[in-house]
Amino acid sequence: MVDEGDEHEVAMLPSLKKAAAALRDADIPFAVGGGFAAWARGGSASDHDVDFMIVESDADRALKALEAAGMRTGRPPEGWLVKAWDGDVLVDLIYGPSGDSGTEALLERADVMRVEAMTMPVITADDLLVTKLSALGEHTLDYEGVLRTARELREQIDFDDVEKRTADSPFARTFFFLARELGVTPVS
């Protein structure tokens, strides 16, 4: 039996592949991020959108490539991403991910993987967890998804590295306390 989250993820796969092909064909460096990066690495299905990491200087070209592929595009006011819609599937093109020391470096660290029979770069499990932890704040304090990602991908994560990279965040420090207490991460 396929649960509702899996059905939604399956419905978004054509949009993931369509956007990845458009970016690839336009020679725009990218990597799959967010929920689909976790899914590609063996974690839970993405539940709300498709995320790609790009560099800011490629944002205009990326939007044009997705428009040429038949998607609607837009520029939200946040200033760290641009958006496209393939029908009702949202595709985020993120060039300022939380906690990132440089999107170029994040793209260089990405692993080329087969995602639903298509080869594409996917951010590392470490970078995925860093971006999730760095996005936590007083008004966005939900540890459920971060704990799930850490639990599901724990064999792929260098927790010492992630903890060092997020050490400035009190929310990340709290996550590591919880994760140790819950047996998700090794006790140091």
N, C-alpha and C. Protein backbone atom coordinates (compact mmCIF):
# COMPACT_ATOMS: atom_id res chain seq x y z
N MET A 1 0.84 -1.19 0.00
CA MET A 1 0.00 0.00 0.00
C MET A 1 0.88 1.25 0.00
N VAL A 2 0.60 2.20 -0.86
CA VAL A 2 1.34 3.45 -0.96
C VAL A 2 0.66 4.47 -0.07
N ASP A 3 1.44 5.09 0.85
CA ASP A 3 0.81 6.09 1.70
C ASP A 3 0.70 7.41 0.94
N GLU A 4 -0.04 8.36 1.52
CA GLU A 4 -0.33 9.62 0.85
C GLU A 4 0.93 10.40 0.53
N GLY A 5 1.92 10.41 1.42
CA GLY A 5 3.18 11.12 1.16
C GLY A 5 3.93 10.53 -0.03
N ASP A 6 3.95 9.19 -0.12
CA ASP A 6 4.60 8.54 -1.25
C ASP A 6 3.89 8.86 -2.56
N GLU A 7 2.56 8.91 -2.54
CA GLU A 7 1.82 9.24 -3.75
C GLU A 7 2.18 10.64 -4.23
N HIS A 8 2.30 11.59 -3.30
CA HIS A 8 2.65 12.97 -3.66
C HIS A 8 4.06 13.02 -4.23
N GLU A 9 4.99 12.30 -3.59
CA GLU A 9 6.37 12.26 -4.08
C GLU A 9 6.42 11.68 -5.47
N VAL A 10 5.71 10.59 -5.73
CA VAL A 10 5.67 9.98 -7.06
C VAL A 10 5.11 10.98 -8.07
N ALA A 11 4.10 11.74 -7.68
CA ALA A 11 3.51 12.74 -8.58
C ALA A 11 4.49 13.86 -8.91
N MET A 12 5.44 14.13 -8.03
CA MET A 12 6.41 15.20 -8.26
C MET A 12 7.63 14.74 -9.06
N LEU A 13 7.85 13.44 -9.18
CA LEU A 13 9.04 12.93 -9.88
C LEU A 13 9.17 13.44 -11.32
N PRO A 14 8.10 13.45 -12.11
CA PRO A 14 8.26 13.99 -13.46
C PRO A 14 8.74 15.45 -13.47
N SER A 15 8.29 16.24 -12.51
CA SER A 15 8.72 17.64 -12.43
C SER A 15 10.19 17.72 -12.02
N LEU A 16 10.61 16.87 -11.10
CA LEU A 16 12.03 16.81 -10.71
C LEU A 16 12.89 16.51 -11.93
N LYS A 17 12.51 15.49 -12.69
CA LYS A 17 13.29 15.09 -13.85
C LYS A 17 13.25 16.15 -14.95
N LYS A 18 12.11 16.75 -15.16
CA LYS A 18 11.96 17.79 -16.19
C LYS A 18 12.85 18.99 -15.87
N ALA A 19 12.83 19.43 -14.62
CA ALA A 19 13.64 20.58 -14.21
C ALA A 19 15.13 20.24 -14.26
N ALA A 20 15.50 19.05 -13.79
CA ALA A 20 16.90 18.65 -13.83
C ALA A 20 17.42 18.59 -15.26
N ALA A 21 16.62 18.05 -16.17
CA ALA A 21 17.02 17.98 -17.57
C ALA A 21 17.18 19.38 -18.17
N ALA A 22 16.26 20.28 -17.83
CA ALA A 22 16.36 21.65 -18.36
C ALA A 22 17.61 22.35 -17.85
N LEU A 23 17.92 22.19 -16.57
CA LEU A 23 19.13 22.80 -16.01
C LEU A 23 20.38 22.18 -16.63
N ARG A 24 20.39 20.86 -16.73
CA ARG A 24 21.52 20.15 -17.33
C ARG A 24 21.74 20.60 -18.77
N ASP A 25 20.68 20.64 -19.55
CA ASP A 25 20.79 21.00 -20.97
C ASP A 25 21.22 22.45 -21.17
N ALA A 26 20.95 23.30 -20.18
CA ALA A 26 21.37 24.70 -20.25
C ALA A 26 22.76 24.91 -19.63
N ASP A 27 23.43 23.80 -19.26
CA ASP A 27 24.77 23.86 -18.64
C ASP A 27 24.80 24.70 -17.37
N ILE A 28 23.76 24.56 -16.56
CA ILE A 28 23.69 25.27 -15.28
C ILE A 28 24.03 24.28 -14.18
N PRO A 29 25.12 24.53 -13.45
CA PRO A 29 25.45 23.64 -12.33
C PRO A 29 24.33 23.65 -11.30
N PHE A 30 23.97 22.47 -10.80
CA PHE A 30 22.89 22.34 -9.83
C PHE A 30 23.10 21.07 -9.03
N ALA A 31 22.36 20.96 -7.95
CA ALA A 31 22.28 19.71 -7.19
C ALA A 31 20.89 19.63 -6.57
N VAL A 32 20.38 18.43 -6.50
CA VAL A 32 19.10 18.20 -5.84
C VAL A 32 19.30 18.45 -4.35
N GLY A 33 18.38 19.15 -3.73
CA GLY A 33 18.45 19.43 -2.30
C GLY A 33 17.15 19.05 -1.62
N GLY A 34 17.02 19.45 -0.37
CA GLY A 34 15.78 19.27 0.37
C GLY A 34 15.30 17.83 0.48
N GLY A 35 13.99 17.68 0.46
CA GLY A 35 13.37 16.37 0.66
C GLY A 35 13.74 15.35 -0.39
N PHE A 36 13.92 15.78 -1.63
CA PHE A 36 14.30 14.81 -2.66
C PHE A 36 15.75 14.36 -2.50
N ALA A 37 16.62 15.19 -1.93
CA ALA A 37 17.98 14.74 -1.64
C ALA A 37 17.93 13.64 -0.59
N ALA A 38 17.11 13.83 0.43
CA ALA A 38 16.95 12.79 1.45
C ALA A 38 16.37 11.52 0.82
N TRP A 39 15.35 11.66 -0.02
CA TRP A 39 14.72 10.52 -0.67
C TRP A 39 15.71 9.78 -1.57
N ALA A 40 16.50 10.52 -2.35
CA ALA A 40 17.48 9.90 -3.25
C ALA A 40 18.52 9.11 -2.46
N ARG A 41 18.75 9.50 -1.22
CA ARG A 41 19.74 8.84 -0.37
C ARG A 41 19.13 7.75 0.50
N GLY A 42 17.83 7.48 0.33
CA GLY A 42 17.18 6.40 1.06
C GLY A 42 16.26 6.84 2.17
N GLY A 43 16.02 8.13 2.30
CA GLY A 43 15.15 8.65 3.35
C GLY A 43 13.71 8.72 2.90
N SER A 44 12.91 9.41 3.69
CA SER A 44 11.48 9.56 3.42
C SER A 44 11.22 10.38 2.17
N ALA A 45 10.05 10.18 1.62
CA ALA A 45 9.63 10.90 0.43
C ALA A 45 9.47 12.39 0.72
N SER A 46 9.77 13.20 -0.29
CA SER A 46 9.54 14.64 -0.20
C SER A 46 8.05 14.88 -0.12
N ASP A 47 7.66 15.88 0.63
CA ASP A 47 6.22 16.04 0.82
C ASP A 47 5.63 17.35 0.31
N HIS A 48 6.45 18.28 -0.19
CA HIS A 48 5.79 19.52 -0.60
C HIS A 48 6.38 20.21 -1.83
N ASP A 49 7.64 20.01 -2.16
CA ASP A 49 8.20 20.68 -3.33
C ASP A 49 9.45 19.98 -3.80
N VAL A 50 10.01 20.51 -4.87
CA VAL A 50 11.27 20.02 -5.42
C VAL A 50 12.29 21.13 -5.22
N ASP A 51 13.43 20.81 -4.61
CA ASP A 51 14.47 21.82 -4.36
C ASP A 51 15.72 21.50 -5.15
N PHE A 52 16.26 22.54 -5.78
CA PHE A 52 17.57 22.46 -6.44
C PHE A 52 18.44 23.57 -5.87
N MET A 53 19.72 23.27 -5.69
CA MET A 53 20.69 24.28 -5.29
C MET A 53 21.39 24.76 -6.56
N ILE A 54 21.51 26.08 -6.69
CA ILE A 54 22.22 26.68 -7.81
C ILE A 54 23.05 27.83 -7.26
N VAL A 55 23.91 28.43 -8.08
CA VAL A 55 24.62 29.64 -7.66
C VAL A 55 23.81 30.85 -8.10
N GLU A 56 23.90 31.91 -7.34
CA GLU A 56 23.08 33.09 -7.59
C GLU A 56 23.26 33.65 -9.00
N SER A 57 24.48 33.64 -9.48
CA SER A 57 24.73 34.20 -10.81
C SER A 57 24.03 33.43 -11.93
N ASP A 58 23.57 32.21 -11.65
CA ASP A 58 22.85 31.41 -12.65
C ASP A 58 21.34 31.51 -12.53
N ALA A 59 20.83 32.31 -11.59
CA ALA A 59 19.38 32.34 -11.34
C ALA A 59 18.58 32.75 -12.57
N ASP A 60 19.00 33.80 -13.27
CA ASP A 60 18.25 34.25 -14.45
C ASP A 60 18.26 33.19 -15.55
N ARG A 61 19.42 32.61 -15.81
CA ARG A 61 19.51 31.56 -16.83
C ARG A 61 18.68 30.35 -16.44
N ALA A 62 18.68 30.01 -15.16
CA ALA A 62 17.90 28.86 -14.69
C ALA A 62 16.40 29.11 -14.90
N LEU A 63 15.94 30.30 -14.59
CA LEU A 63 14.53 30.62 -14.81
C LEU A 63 14.18 30.53 -16.30
N LYS A 64 15.05 31.05 -17.15
CA LYS A 64 14.81 30.97 -18.60
C LYS A 64 14.77 29.52 -19.07
N ALA A 65 15.66 28.69 -18.54
CA ALA A 65 15.68 27.27 -18.93
C ALA A 65 14.39 26.57 -18.51
N LEU A 66 13.89 26.88 -17.31
CA LEU A 66 12.65 26.25 -16.85
C LEU A 66 11.44 26.81 -17.61
N GLU A 67 11.47 28.09 -17.96
CA GLU A 67 10.41 28.66 -18.79
C GLU A 67 10.38 27.96 -20.15
N ALA A 68 11.56 27.75 -20.73
CA ALA A 68 11.65 27.08 -22.04
C ALA A 68 11.12 25.64 -21.95
N ALA A 69 11.19 25.05 -20.76
CA ALA A 69 10.68 23.70 -20.54
C ALA A 69 9.18 23.70 -20.24
N GLY A 70 8.55 24.89 -20.27
CA GLY A 70 7.11 24.98 -20.08
C GLY A 70 6.65 25.29 -18.67
N MET A 71 7.54 25.73 -17.82
CA MET A 71 7.17 26.05 -16.44
C MET A 71 6.92 27.55 -16.27
N ARG A 72 6.02 27.90 -15.35
CA ARG A 72 5.83 29.29 -14.94
C ARG A 72 6.92 29.62 -13.93
N THR A 73 7.40 30.84 -13.91
CA THR A 73 8.48 31.21 -12.99
C THR A 73 8.12 32.46 -12.21
N GLY A 74 8.83 32.66 -11.12
CA GLY A 74 8.60 33.85 -10.30
C GLY A 74 9.79 34.15 -9.40
N ARG A 75 9.82 35.39 -8.95
CA ARG A 75 10.86 35.86 -8.04
C ARG A 75 10.21 36.32 -6.73
N PRO A 76 10.28 35.48 -5.70
CA PRO A 76 9.70 35.90 -4.42
C PRO A 76 10.58 36.96 -3.76
N PRO A 77 10.06 37.66 -2.77
CA PRO A 77 10.81 38.75 -2.15
C PRO A 77 11.95 38.30 -1.22
N GLU A 78 12.04 37.01 -0.91
CA GLU A 78 13.02 36.56 0.08
C GLU A 78 14.46 36.87 -0.31
N GLY A 79 14.80 36.79 -1.60
CA GLY A 79 16.14 37.15 -2.03
C GLY A 79 17.17 36.04 -1.93
N TRP A 80 16.78 34.81 -1.68
CA TRP A 80 17.73 33.71 -1.60
C TRP A 80 17.31 32.52 -2.48
N LEU A 81 16.23 32.74 -3.26
CA LEU A 81 15.75 31.69 -4.16
C LEU A 81 14.87 32.30 -5.23
N VAL A 82 14.66 31.53 -6.29
CA VAL A 82 13.66 31.83 -7.31
C VAL A 82 12.79 30.58 -7.43
N LYS A 83 11.63 30.74 -8.07
CA LYS A 83 10.66 29.64 -8.08
C LYS A 83 10.13 29.37 -9.49
N ALA A 84 9.72 28.13 -9.67
CA ALA A 84 9.04 27.74 -10.90
C ALA A 84 7.93 26.76 -10.53
N TRP A 85 6.93 26.70 -11.38
CA TRP A 85 5.82 25.76 -11.17
C TRP A 85 5.64 24.94 -12.42
N ASP A 86 5.63 23.64 -12.24
CA ASP A 86 5.31 22.70 -13.31
C ASP A 86 3.91 22.21 -13.01
N GLY A 87 2.92 22.87 -13.61
CA GLY A 87 1.54 22.62 -13.19
C GLY A 87 1.39 23.14 -11.78
N ASP A 88 1.02 22.26 -10.85
CA ASP A 88 0.90 22.70 -9.45
C ASP A 88 2.09 22.23 -8.59
N VAL A 89 3.14 21.71 -9.22
CA VAL A 89 4.33 21.28 -8.48
C VAL A 89 5.30 22.45 -8.39
N LEU A 90 5.65 22.83 -7.17
CA LEU A 90 6.58 23.93 -6.93
C LEU A 90 8.02 23.43 -7.04
N VAL A 91 8.84 24.17 -7.78
CA VAL A 91 10.27 23.89 -7.92
C VAL A 91 11.01 25.11 -7.38
N ASP A 92 11.75 24.94 -6.29
CA ASP A 92 12.56 26.01 -5.72
C ASP A 92 13.98 25.90 -6.23
N LEU A 93 14.53 27.01 -6.69
CA LEU A 93 15.93 27.10 -7.10
C LEU A 93 16.62 27.97 -6.05
N ILE A 94 17.34 27.32 -5.15
CA ILE A 94 17.89 27.97 -3.96
C ILE A 94 19.35 28.33 -4.21
N TYR A 95 19.67 29.61 -4.04
CA TYR A 95 21.07 30.03 -4.19
C TYR A 95 21.64 30.59 -2.90
N GLY A 96 20.89 30.62 -1.85
CA GLY A 96 21.38 31.06 -0.56
C GLY A 96 20.90 30.13 0.53
N PRO A 97 21.28 28.83 0.48
CA PRO A 97 20.77 27.91 1.49
C PRO A 97 21.28 28.26 2.88
N SER A 98 20.46 28.01 3.87
CA SER A 98 20.83 28.28 5.26
C SER A 98 22.07 27.49 5.65
N GLY A 99 22.99 28.17 6.31
CA GLY A 99 24.17 27.50 6.83
C GLY A 99 25.23 27.21 5.80
N ASP A 100 25.04 27.67 4.60
CA ASP A 100 25.99 27.33 3.55
C ASP A 100 27.16 28.29 3.55
N SER A 101 28.36 27.74 3.48
CA SER A 101 29.54 28.57 3.42
C SER A 101 29.85 28.99 2.00
N GLY A 102 29.09 28.52 1.05
CA GLY A 102 29.27 28.85 -0.35
C GLY A 102 28.57 27.81 -1.21
N THR A 103 27.63 28.28 -2.02
CA THR A 103 26.87 27.33 -2.83
C THR A 103 27.78 26.60 -3.81
N GLU A 104 28.82 27.28 -4.32
CA GLU A 104 29.74 26.62 -5.24
C GLU A 104 30.37 25.40 -4.57
N ALA A 105 30.80 25.55 -3.33
CA ALA A 105 31.42 24.43 -2.60
C ALA A 105 30.40 23.32 -2.36
N LEU A 106 29.18 23.68 -2.04
CA LEU A 106 28.12 22.69 -1.84
C LEU A 106 27.90 21.89 -3.13
N LEU A 107 27.90 22.57 -4.27
CA LEU A 107 27.72 21.89 -5.55
C LEU A 107 28.91 20.99 -5.87
N GLU A 108 30.11 21.44 -5.52
CA GLU A 108 31.31 20.62 -5.76
C GLU A 108 31.30 19.35 -4.92
N ARG A 109 30.75 19.42 -3.71
CA ARG A 109 30.70 18.25 -2.84
C ARG A 109 29.59 17.28 -3.21
N ALA A 110 28.64 17.71 -4.03
CA ALA A 110 27.48 16.87 -4.37
C ALA A 110 27.94 15.56 -5.02
N ASP A 111 27.17 14.52 -4.76
CA ASP A 111 27.43 13.20 -5.36
C ASP A 111 26.53 13.03 -6.57
N VAL A 112 27.11 12.53 -7.65
CA VAL A 112 26.29 12.21 -8.83
C VAL A 112 25.63 10.86 -8.55
N MET A 113 24.31 10.84 -8.63
CA MET A 113 23.54 9.65 -8.28
C MET A 113 22.47 9.40 -9.34
N ARG A 114 21.99 8.18 -9.38
CA ARG A 114 20.83 7.86 -10.23
C ARG A 114 19.58 8.13 -9.40
N VAL A 115 18.77 9.02 -9.92
CA VAL A 115 17.52 9.38 -9.28
C VAL A 115 16.41 9.05 -10.27
N GLU A 116 15.67 7.98 -9.97
CA GLU A 116 14.57 7.57 -10.84
C GLU A 116 15.04 7.45 -12.28
N ALA A 117 16.13 6.68 -12.46
CA ALA A 117 16.70 6.33 -13.77
C ALA A 117 17.38 7.49 -14.48
N MET A 118 17.59 8.61 -13.78
CA MET A 118 18.27 9.76 -14.38
C MET A 118 19.45 10.14 -13.49
N THR A 119 20.59 10.36 -14.09
CA THR A 119 21.78 10.74 -13.33
C THR A 119 21.76 12.24 -13.07
N MET A 120 21.97 12.62 -11.79
CA MET A 120 22.01 14.04 -11.43
C MET A 120 22.77 14.20 -10.11
N PRO A 121 23.35 15.38 -9.89
CA PRO A 121 24.03 15.63 -8.62
C PRO A 121 23.03 15.81 -7.48
N VAL A 122 23.39 15.28 -6.31
CA VAL A 122 22.55 15.35 -5.11
C VAL A 122 23.44 15.83 -3.98
N ILE A 123 22.99 16.82 -3.21
CA ILE A 123 23.83 17.31 -2.12
C ILE A 123 24.13 16.18 -1.14
N THR A 124 25.25 16.31 -0.44
CA THR A 124 25.65 15.28 0.52
C THR A 124 24.68 15.26 1.70
N ALA A 125 24.67 14.15 2.39
CA ALA A 125 23.83 14.04 3.58
C ALA A 125 24.26 15.05 4.64
N ASP A 126 25.57 15.30 4.75
CA ASP A 126 26.06 16.31 5.69
C ASP A 126 25.49 17.69 5.34
N ASP A 127 25.60 18.07 4.06
CA ASP A 127 25.09 19.38 3.65
C ASP A 127 23.58 19.48 3.83
N LEU A 128 22.88 18.40 3.57
CA LEU A 128 21.43 18.39 3.78
C LEU A 128 21.10 18.68 5.23
N LEU A 129 21.79 18.00 6.15
CA LEU A 129 21.51 18.20 7.57
C LEU A 129 21.93 19.60 8.02
N VAL A 130 23.05 20.10 7.51
CA VAL A 130 23.49 21.46 7.85
C VAL A 130 22.44 22.47 7.42
N THR A 131 21.92 22.35 6.21
CA THR A 131 20.91 23.32 5.75
C THR A 131 19.64 23.22 6.58
N LYS A 132 19.24 22.01 6.93
CA LYS A 132 18.03 21.85 7.75
C LYS A 132 18.24 22.44 9.15
N LEU A 133 19.38 22.17 9.76
CA LEU A 133 19.65 22.70 11.10
C LEU A 133 19.79 24.21 11.09
N SER A 134 20.43 24.74 10.08
CA SER A 134 20.65 26.19 10.00
C SER A 134 19.37 26.96 9.72
N ALA A 135 18.35 26.29 9.19
CA ALA A 135 17.07 26.95 8.93
C ALA A 135 16.21 27.04 10.18
N LEU A 136 16.57 26.33 11.24
CA LEU A 136 15.78 26.37 12.48
C LEU A 136 15.90 27.75 13.13
N GLY A 137 14.80 28.24 13.64
CA GLY A 137 14.79 29.52 14.34
C GLY A 137 13.60 29.58 15.28
N GLU A 138 13.46 30.68 15.97
CA GLU A 138 12.38 30.82 16.95
C GLU A 138 11.00 30.61 16.34
N HIS A 139 10.83 31.01 15.10
CA HIS A 139 9.52 30.90 14.45
C HIS A 139 9.42 29.69 13.54
N THR A 140 10.50 28.95 13.41
CA THR A 140 10.53 27.75 12.55
C THR A 140 11.21 26.61 13.31
N LEU A 141 10.78 26.40 14.53
CA LEU A 141 11.42 25.42 15.40
C LEU A 141 10.64 24.12 15.42
N ASP A 142 10.96 23.26 14.45
CA ASP A 142 10.32 21.96 14.34
C ASP A 142 11.42 20.93 14.10
N TYR A 143 11.70 20.15 15.12
CA TYR A 143 12.79 19.17 15.03
C TYR A 143 12.36 17.86 14.38
N GLU A 144 11.09 17.65 14.13
CA GLU A 144 10.63 16.37 13.61
C GLU A 144 11.33 15.98 12.31
N GLY A 145 11.31 16.86 11.32
CA GLY A 145 11.92 16.54 10.03
C GLY A 145 13.43 16.36 10.11
N VAL A 146 14.07 17.19 10.93
CA VAL A 146 15.52 17.09 11.07
C VAL A 146 15.90 15.78 11.76
N LEU A 147 15.18 15.42 12.80
CA LEU A 147 15.44 14.14 13.47
C LEU A 147 15.19 12.96 12.55
N ARG A 148 14.12 13.04 11.76
CA ARG A 148 13.82 11.96 10.82
C ARG A 148 14.95 11.81 9.79
N THR A 149 15.39 12.93 9.23
CA THR A 149 16.49 12.88 8.25
C THR A 149 17.75 12.32 8.90
N ALA A 150 18.09 12.77 10.09
CA ALA A 150 19.30 12.27 10.77
C ALA A 150 19.19 10.78 11.06
N ARG A 151 18.03 10.34 11.48
CA ARG A 151 17.84 8.91 11.78
C ARG A 151 17.93 8.07 10.51
N GLU A 152 17.25 8.51 9.46
CA GLU A 152 17.21 7.73 8.23
C GLU A 152 18.54 7.69 7.49
N LEU A 153 19.32 8.75 7.60
CA LEU A 153 20.57 8.84 6.83
C LEU A 153 21.81 8.75 7.72
N ARG A 154 21.66 8.31 8.94
CA ARG A 154 22.75 8.40 9.91
C ARG A 154 24.05 7.73 9.47
N GLU A 155 23.96 6.66 8.69
CA GLU A 155 25.19 5.99 8.23
C GLU A 155 25.95 6.84 7.22
N GLN A 156 25.29 7.81 6.61
CA GLN A 156 25.91 8.66 5.60
C GLN A 156 26.39 10.00 6.15
N ILE A 157 26.10 10.27 7.42
CA ILE A 157 26.37 11.58 8.00
C ILE A 157 27.59 11.55 8.91
N ASP A 158 28.46 12.53 8.74
CA ASP A 158 29.58 12.76 9.65
C ASP A 158 29.07 13.75 10.70
N PHE A 159 28.52 13.24 11.78
CA PHE A 159 27.88 14.10 12.78
C PHE A 159 28.85 15.07 13.42
N ASP A 160 30.10 14.68 13.60
CA ASP A 160 31.09 15.62 14.16
C ASP A 160 31.26 16.83 13.25
N ASP A 161 31.35 16.58 11.94
CA ASP A 161 31.49 17.67 10.96
C ASP A 161 30.26 18.57 10.98
N VAL A 162 29.08 17.97 10.95
CA VAL A 162 27.85 18.75 10.95
C VAL A 162 27.74 19.59 12.23
N GLU A 163 28.10 18.98 13.36
CA GLU A 163 28.02 19.72 14.62
C GLU A 163 28.99 20.91 14.62
N LYS A 164 30.19 20.73 14.09
CA LYS A 164 31.14 21.85 14.01
C LYS A 164 30.62 22.94 13.09
N ARG A 165 30.04 22.55 11.97
CA ARG A 165 29.56 23.54 10.99
C ARG A 165 28.33 24.30 11.48
N THR A 166 27.62 23.78 12.46
CA THR A 166 26.41 24.44 12.97
C THR A 166 26.57 24.91 14.42
N ALA A 167 27.79 24.93 14.91
CA ALA A 167 28.05 25.21 16.33
C ALA A 167 27.54 26.58 16.79
N ASP A 168 27.40 27.53 15.89
CA ASP A 168 26.94 28.87 16.27
C ASP A 168 25.44 28.94 16.54
N SER A 169 24.71 27.91 16.15
CA SER A 169 23.26 27.93 16.30
C SER A 169 22.82 27.26 17.60
N PRO A 170 22.12 28.00 18.47
CA PRO A 170 21.60 27.36 19.68
C PRO A 170 20.57 26.28 19.35
N PHE A 171 19.89 26.43 18.21
CA PHE A 171 18.89 25.44 17.82
C PHE A 171 19.56 24.15 17.35
N ALA A 172 20.70 24.27 16.67
CA ALA A 172 21.46 23.09 16.27
C ALA A 172 22.07 22.41 17.50
N ARG A 173 22.58 23.20 18.44
CA ARG A 173 23.14 22.60 19.66
C ARG A 173 22.04 21.83 20.41
N THR A 174 20.83 22.37 20.44
CA THR A 174 19.71 21.68 21.08
C THR A 174 19.38 20.40 20.32
N PHE A 175 19.41 20.46 18.99
CA PHE A 175 19.17 19.26 18.19
C PHE A 175 20.16 18.17 18.58
N PHE A 176 21.44 18.49 18.68
CA PHE A 176 22.43 17.46 19.00
C PHE A 176 22.22 16.88 20.39
N PHE A 177 21.80 17.70 21.34
CA PHE A 177 21.46 17.18 22.66
C PHE A 177 20.31 16.17 22.54
N LEU A 178 19.23 16.57 21.85
CA LEU A 178 18.08 15.67 21.67
C LEU A 178 18.47 14.40 20.91
N ALA A 179 19.23 14.57 19.84
CA ALA A 179 19.61 13.43 19.02
C ALA A 179 20.45 12.43 19.81
N ARG A 180 21.32 12.91 20.67
CA ARG A 180 22.11 11.99 21.50
C ARG A 180 21.22 11.28 22.52
N GLU A 181 20.34 12.04 23.15
CA GLU A 181 19.45 11.47 24.15
C GLU A 181 18.52 10.42 23.54
N LEU A 182 18.15 10.62 22.27
CA LEU A 182 17.26 9.70 21.58
C LEU A 182 17.99 8.56 20.87
N GLY A 183 19.31 8.57 20.95
CA GLY A 183 20.11 7.53 20.32
C GLY A 183 20.23 7.64 18.80
N VAL A 184 19.95 8.84 18.27
CA VAL A 184 20.05 9.05 16.82
C VAL A 184 21.50 9.25 16.41
N THR A 185 22.25 9.98 17.23
CA THR A 185 23.67 10.23 16.94
C THR A 185 24.52 9.56 18.01
N PRO A 186 25.78 9.35 17.69
CA PRO A 186 26.68 8.78 18.71
C PRO A 186 26.86 9.76 19.88
N VAL A 187 27.05 9.21 21.05
CA VAL A 187 27.33 10.02 22.23
C VAL A 187 28.81 10.35 22.21
N SER A 188 29.13 11.68 22.31
CA SER A 188 30.54 12.05 22.28
C SER A 188 31.09 12.27 23.65
